[in-house]
Amino acid sequence: MDEKRRYWKELADDGDAQPDNRSDGCYGVCLVRAEYMPGSETIVADNSPSAPCGVVFEDDGEAGYFYALDLQASDKDQIVDAVHIYNVSQLTDRGRTSAVSILWSTDGAKSCLLINGHPHAVFDFNARRGYSRNDYPNSPALDSARWNSTSHAWDITALQGFELDGGW
């Protein structure tokens, strides 16, 4: 995990994780988009255009995860939340190229993970809460917890602030 944190830190310090894939104006906010094959090791990262936070999508070859990062925290504490997106073995379309997109709300306080145009997870950095379609993983509340990790249940209102089509 330390190697991943170092890699993500380098991306965060660079300030533009995927310069060739980032576009301004799409959905009115910054967007990072990449094509990948589910089950192939893939990392797509981006930072908020207006806040010291970032996100990382990772397919480690077996599963897909979405991580919330506090870019002001020390290296070992940068990951403040994580949600499970999928198990590769359970994907019906794992043999087809997919498009992963990371977008930010117009205020830069929320990030949404889209796969093939469908929202799978949202991190709300103001509310310090993550939402995912499969509500996993969850952990008991800690007195020192900075984020609510007792539930990652999907809530359609989490998509407020994003200019999305589709009525998810």
C-alpha atoms as a PDB file:
ATOM      1  CA  MET A   1       0.000   0.000   0.000  1.00  0.00           C
ATOM      2  CA  ASP A   2       2.893   2.397   0.659  1.00  0.00           C
ATOM      3  CA  GLU A   3       3.984   2.071  -2.978  1.00  0.00           C
ATOM      4  CA  LYS A   4       0.486   3.054  -4.145  1.00  0.00           C
ATOM      5  CA  ARG A   5       0.446   6.016  -1.771  1.00  0.00           C
ATOM      6  CA  ARG A   6       3.801   7.200  -3.134  1.00  0.00           C
ATOM      7  CA  TYR A   7       2.534   6.863  -6.702  1.00  0.00           C
ATOM      8  CA  TRP A   8      -0.681   8.765  -5.916  1.00  0.00           C
ATOM      9  CA  LYS A   9       1.339  11.420  -4.075  1.00  0.00           C
ATOM     10  CA  GLU A  10       3.481  11.905  -7.171  1.00  0.00           C
ATOM     11  CA  LEU A  11       0.317  12.296  -9.257  1.00  0.00           C
ATOM     12  CA  ALA A  12      -1.123  14.751  -6.741  1.00  0.00           C
ATOM     13  CA  ASP A  13       2.094  16.779  -6.602  1.00  0.00           C
ATOM     14  CA  ASP A  14       2.130  16.913 -10.390  1.00  0.00           C
ATOM     15  CA  GLY A  15      -1.272  18.614 -10.216  1.00  0.00           C
ATOM     16  CA  ASP A  16      -2.430  17.166 -13.511  1.00  0.00           C
ATOM     17  CA  ALA A  17      -2.592  13.392 -13.334  1.00  0.00           C
ATOM     18  CA  GLN A  18      -3.665  12.787 -16.920  1.00  0.00           C
ATOM     19  CA  PRO A  19      -2.943  15.981 -18.842  1.00  0.00           C
ATOM     20  CA  ASP A  20      -3.811  14.410 -22.188  1.00  0.00           C
ATOM     21  CA  ASN A  21      -7.153  13.134 -20.888  1.00  0.00           C
ATOM     22  CA  ARG A  22      -8.302  16.206 -18.915  1.00  0.00           C
ATOM     23  CA  SER A  23     -10.732  18.599 -20.484  1.00  0.00           C
ATOM     24  CA  ASP A  24     -12.148  21.855 -19.190  1.00  0.00           C
ATOM     25  CA  GLY A  25     -15.749  22.749 -19.793  1.00  0.00           C
ATOM     26  CA  CYS A  26     -17.131  19.227 -20.044  1.00  0.00           C
ATOM     27  CA  TYR A  27     -20.095  19.178 -17.644  1.00  0.00           C
ATOM     28  CA  GLY A  28     -18.904  22.655 -16.621  1.00  0.00           C
ATOM     29  CA  VAL A  29     -16.080  21.150 -14.535  1.00  0.00           C
ATOM     30  CA  CYS A  30     -12.781  19.377 -15.012  1.00  0.00           C
ATOM     31  CA  LEU A  31     -13.043  15.838 -16.276  1.00  0.00           C
ATOM     32  CA  VAL A  32     -10.528  13.039 -16.610  1.00  0.00           C
ATOM     33  CA  ARG A  33     -11.453  10.210 -18.961  1.00  0.00           C
ATOM     34  CA  ALA A  34      -9.565   7.059 -19.894  1.00  0.00           C
ATOM     35  CA  GLU A  35     -10.354   3.825 -21.680  1.00  0.00           C
ATOM     36  CA  TYR A  36      -9.286   0.581 -20.068  1.00  0.00           C
ATOM     37  CA  MET A  37      -9.973  -3.140 -20.068  1.00  0.00           C
ATOM     38  CA  PRO A  38     -11.566  -4.291 -16.787  1.00  0.00           C
ATOM     39  CA  GLY A  39      -9.184  -6.720 -15.139  1.00  0.00           C
ATOM     40  CA  SER A  40      -6.084  -4.921 -16.392  1.00  0.00           C
ATOM     41  CA  GLU A  41      -4.143  -2.957 -13.820  1.00  0.00           C
ATOM     42  CA  THR A  42      -5.330   0.620 -14.214  1.00  0.00           C
ATOM     43  CA  ILE A  43      -5.024   3.787 -12.144  1.00  0.00           C
ATOM     44  CA  VAL A  44      -6.836   7.011 -13.001  1.00  0.00           C
ATOM     45  CA  ALA A  45      -6.408   9.936 -10.620  1.00  0.00           C
ATOM     46  CA  ASP A  46      -7.476  13.550 -10.432  1.00  0.00           C
ATOM     47  CA  ASN A  47      -7.455  16.448  -7.988  1.00  0.00           C
ATOM     48  CA  SER A  48     -10.219  18.917  -7.254  1.00  0.00           C
ATOM     49  CA  PRO A  49      -9.964  22.085  -9.319  1.00  0.00           C
ATOM     50  CA  SER A  50     -10.600  24.174  -6.174  1.00  0.00           C
ATOM     51  CA  ALA A  51      -9.899  22.185  -2.984  1.00  0.00           C
ATOM     52  CA  PRO A  52      -6.958  20.209  -1.514  1.00  0.00           C
ATOM     53  CA  CYS A  53      -8.502  16.814  -2.211  1.00  0.00           C
ATOM     54  CA  GLY A  54      -8.274  14.184  -4.888  1.00  0.00           C
ATOM     55  CA  VAL A  55      -9.584  10.821  -5.976  1.00  0.00           C
ATOM     56  CA  VAL A  56      -8.140   7.659  -7.475  1.00  0.00           C
ATOM     57  CA  PHE A  57      -9.872   4.894  -9.410  1.00  0.00           C
ATOM     58  CA  GLU A  58      -7.946   1.636  -9.362  1.00  0.00           C
ATOM     59  CA  ASP A  59      -8.510  -1.691 -11.072  1.00  0.00           C
ATOM     60  CA  ASP A  60      -5.937  -4.004  -9.494  1.00  0.00           C
ATOM     61  CA  GLY A  61      -6.707  -6.856 -11.877  1.00  0.00           C
ATOM     62  CA  GLU A  62      -9.239  -8.468  -9.553  1.00  0.00           C
ATOM     63  CA  ALA A  63     -11.448  -5.606  -8.362  1.00  0.00           C
ATOM     64  CA  GLY A  64     -12.181  -1.934  -8.918  1.00  0.00           C
ATOM     65  CA  TYR A  65     -11.956   0.620  -6.092  1.00  0.00           C
ATOM     66  CA  PHE A  66     -12.453   4.368  -5.741  1.00  0.00           C
ATOM     67  CA  TYR A  67     -10.407   6.255  -3.126  1.00  0.00           C
ATOM     68  CA  ALA A  68     -10.849   9.708  -1.566  1.00  0.00           C
ATOM     69  CA  LEU A  69      -7.624  11.573  -0.784  1.00  0.00           C
ATOM     70  CA  ASP A  70      -6.876  14.423   1.602  1.00  0.00           C
ATOM     71  CA  LEU A  71      -3.923  16.093  -0.113  1.00  0.00           C
ATOM     72  CA  GLN A  72      -3.032  18.085   3.018  1.00  0.00           C
ATOM     73  CA  ALA A  73      -2.591  14.971   5.151  1.00  0.00           C
ATOM     74  CA  SER A  74       0.684  13.144   5.642  1.00  0.00           C
ATOM     75  CA  ASP A  75       1.448  10.413   3.111  1.00  0.00           C
ATOM     76  CA  LYS A  76       0.251   7.614   5.384  1.00  0.00           C
ATOM     77  CA  ASP A  77      -3.059   9.372   6.102  1.00  0.00           C
ATOM     78  CA  GLN A  78      -3.960  10.637   2.624  1.00  0.00           C
ATOM     79  CA  ILE A  79      -6.543   7.924   1.911  1.00  0.00           C
ATOM     80  CA  VAL A  80      -9.584   9.032   3.928  1.00  0.00           C
ATOM     81  CA  ASP A  81     -12.176   6.698   2.412  1.00  0.00           C
ATOM     82  CA  ALA A  82     -12.526   3.899  -0.134  1.00  0.00           C
ATOM     83  CA  VAL A  83     -15.407   2.183  -1.849  1.00  0.00           C
ATOM     84  CA  HIS A  84     -15.536  -1.080  -3.735  1.00  0.00           C
ATOM     85  CA  ILE A  85     -16.838  -0.704  -7.284  1.00  0.00           C
ATOM     86  CA  TYR A  86     -16.753  -4.219  -8.753  1.00  0.00           C
ATOM     87  CA  ASN A  87     -15.180  -7.664  -8.772  1.00  0.00           C
ATOM     88  CA  VAL A  88     -13.783  -8.361 -12.231  1.00  0.00           C
ATOM     89  CA  SER A  89     -14.938 -12.004 -12.122  1.00  0.00           C
ATOM     90  CA  GLN A  90     -18.552 -10.843 -11.728  1.00  0.00           C
ATOM     91  CA  LEU A  91     -18.575  -8.379 -14.637  1.00  0.00           C
ATOM     92  CA  THR A  92     -20.621  -9.552 -17.588  1.00  0.00           C
ATOM     93  CA  ASP A  93     -18.783  -7.239 -19.999  1.00  0.00           C
ATOM     94  CA  ARG A  94     -15.240  -7.712 -18.657  1.00  0.00           C
ATOM     95  CA  GLY A  95     -13.957  -8.580 -22.135  1.00  0.00           C
ATOM     96  CA  ARG A  96     -14.953  -5.180 -23.549  1.00  0.00           C
ATOM     97  CA  THR A  97     -13.107  -1.886 -23.318  1.00  0.00           C
ATOM     98  CA  SER A  98     -14.705   0.474 -20.795  1.00  0.00           C
ATOM     99  CA  ALA A  99     -14.501   4.233 -20.305  1.00  0.00           C
ATOM    100  CA  VAL A 100     -13.810   5.528 -16.805  1.00  0.00           C
ATOM    101  CA  SER A 101     -14.399   9.197 -16.064  1.00  0.00           C
ATOM    102  CA  ILE A 102     -13.790  11.276 -12.969  1.00  0.00           C
ATOM    103  CA  LEU A 103     -15.689  14.503 -12.720  1.00  0.00           C
ATOM    104  CA  TRP A 104     -16.055  17.210 -10.124  1.00  0.00           C
ATOM    105  CA  SER A 105     -19.119  19.107  -8.982  1.00  0.00           C
ATOM    106  CA  THR A 106     -19.282  22.730 -10.021  1.00  0.00           C
ATOM    107  CA  ASP A 107     -18.017  23.775  -6.562  1.00  0.00           C
ATOM    108  CA  GLY A 108     -15.145  21.235  -6.602  1.00  0.00           C
ATOM    109  CA  ALA A 109     -16.297  19.644  -3.325  1.00  0.00           C
ATOM    110  CA  LYS A 110     -17.658  16.386  -4.775  1.00  0.00           C
ATOM    111  CA  SER A 111     -16.220  13.856  -7.183  1.00  0.00           C
ATOM    112  CA  CYS A 112     -18.163  11.296  -9.183  1.00  0.00           C
ATOM    113  CA  LEU A 113     -16.855   8.101 -10.769  1.00  0.00           C
ATOM    114  CA  LEU A 114     -18.533   7.220 -14.064  1.00  0.00           C
ATOM    115  CA  ILE A 115     -17.959   3.957 -15.866  1.00  0.00           C
ATOM    116  CA  ASN A 116     -19.368   3.880 -19.376  1.00  0.00           C
ATOM    117  CA  GLY A 117     -21.331   7.024 -18.537  1.00  0.00           C
ATOM    118  CA  HIS A 118     -23.017   5.500 -15.473  1.00  0.00           C
ATOM    119  CA  PRO A 119     -22.324   6.928 -11.971  1.00  0.00           C
ATOM    120  CA  HIS A 120     -20.916   4.279  -9.628  1.00  0.00           C
ATOM    121  CA  ALA A 121     -19.630   6.309  -6.677  1.00  0.00           C
ATOM    122  CA  VAL A 122     -19.484   9.816  -5.242  1.00  0.00           C
ATOM    123  CA  PHE A 123     -17.240  11.337  -2.602  1.00  0.00           C
ATOM    124  CA  ASP A 124     -18.590  14.448  -0.877  1.00  0.00           C
ATOM    125  CA  PHE A 125     -15.584  16.163   0.693  1.00  0.00           C
ATOM    126  CA  ASN A 126     -17.680  18.746   2.558  1.00  0.00           C
ATOM    127  CA  ALA A 127     -19.922  16.115   4.161  1.00  0.00           C
ATOM    128  CA  ARG A 128     -16.936  13.732   4.515  1.00  0.00           C
ATOM    129  CA  ARG A 129     -18.943  10.851   3.131  1.00  0.00           C
ATOM    130  CA  GLY A 130     -18.758   8.374   0.282  1.00  0.00           C
ATOM    131  CA  TYR A 131     -21.608   6.794  -1.674  1.00  0.00           C
ATOM    132  CA  SER A 132     -21.412   3.686  -3.820  1.00  0.00           C
ATOM    133  CA  ARG A 133     -23.842   1.515  -5.708  1.00  0.00           C
ATOM    134  CA  ASN A 134     -22.928  -1.570  -3.666  1.00  0.00           C
ATOM    135  CA  ASP A 135     -22.536   0.104  -0.218  1.00  0.00           C
ATOM    136  CA  TYR A 136     -19.233  -1.576   0.572  1.00  0.00           C
ATOM    137  CA  PRO A 137     -16.966  -1.593   2.543  1.00  0.00           C
ATOM    138  CA  ASN A 138     -18.401  -0.217   5.760  1.00  0.00           C
ATOM    139  CA  SER A 139     -16.633  -0.009   9.102  1.00  0.00           C
ATOM    140  CA  PRO A 140     -17.633   0.823  12.672  1.00  0.00           C
ATOM    141  CA  ALA A 141     -17.588   4.478  13.670  1.00  0.00           C
ATOM    142  CA  LEU A 142     -14.418   5.650  15.380  1.00  0.00           C
ATOM    143  CA  ASP A 143     -14.204   8.610  17.743  1.00  0.00           C
ATOM    144  CA  SER A 144     -11.265   9.919  15.743  1.00  0.00           C
ATOM    145  CA  ALA A 145     -12.794   9.203  12.335  1.00  0.00           C
ATOM    146  CA  ARG A 146     -12.656  12.115   9.966  1.00  0.00           C
ATOM    147  CA  TRP A 147     -15.093  10.481   7.547  1.00  0.00           C
ATOM    148  CA  ASN A 148     -18.389   8.665   7.938  1.00  0.00           C
ATOM    149  CA  SER A 149     -17.534   5.091   6.974  1.00  0.00           C
ATOM    150  CA  THR A 150     -20.427   3.310   8.689  1.00  0.00           C
ATOM    151  CA  SER A 151     -22.442   3.442   5.465  1.00  0.00           C
ATOM    152  CA  HIS A 152     -21.683   4.039   1.813  1.00  0.00           C
ATOM    153  CA  ALA A 153     -25.300   3.500   0.751  1.00  0.00           C
ATOM    154  CA  TRP A 154     -26.206   5.026  -2.593  1.00  0.00           C
ATOM    155  CA  ASP A 155     -28.278   8.190  -2.407  1.00  0.00           C
ATOM    156  CA  ILE A 156     -29.467   9.824  -5.613  1.00  0.00           C
ATOM    157  CA  THR A 157     -29.126  13.249  -3.978  1.00  0.00           C
ATOM    158  CA  ALA A 158     -25.342  12.710  -3.927  1.00  0.00           C
ATOM    159  CA  LEU A 159     -25.422  13.558  -7.639  1.00  0.00           C
ATOM    160  CA  GLN A 160     -26.621  17.103  -6.959  1.00  0.00           C
ATOM    161  CA  GLY A 161     -24.025  19.594  -8.129  1.00  0.00           C
ATOM    162  CA  PHE A 162     -23.059  17.554 -11.164  1.00  0.00           C
ATOM    163  CA  GLU A 163     -24.386  18.435 -14.578  1.00  0.00           C
ATOM    164  CA  LEU A 164     -25.358  14.903 -15.614  1.00  0.00           C
ATOM    165  CA  ASP A 165     -27.911  13.618 -18.063  1.00  0.00           C
ATOM    166  CA  GLY A 166     -29.732  10.390 -17.384  1.00  0.00           C
ATOM    167  CA  GLY A 167     -31.904  10.690 -14.256  1.00  0.00           C
ATOM    168  CA  TRP A 168     -29.892   8.194 -12.231  1.00  0.00           C
END
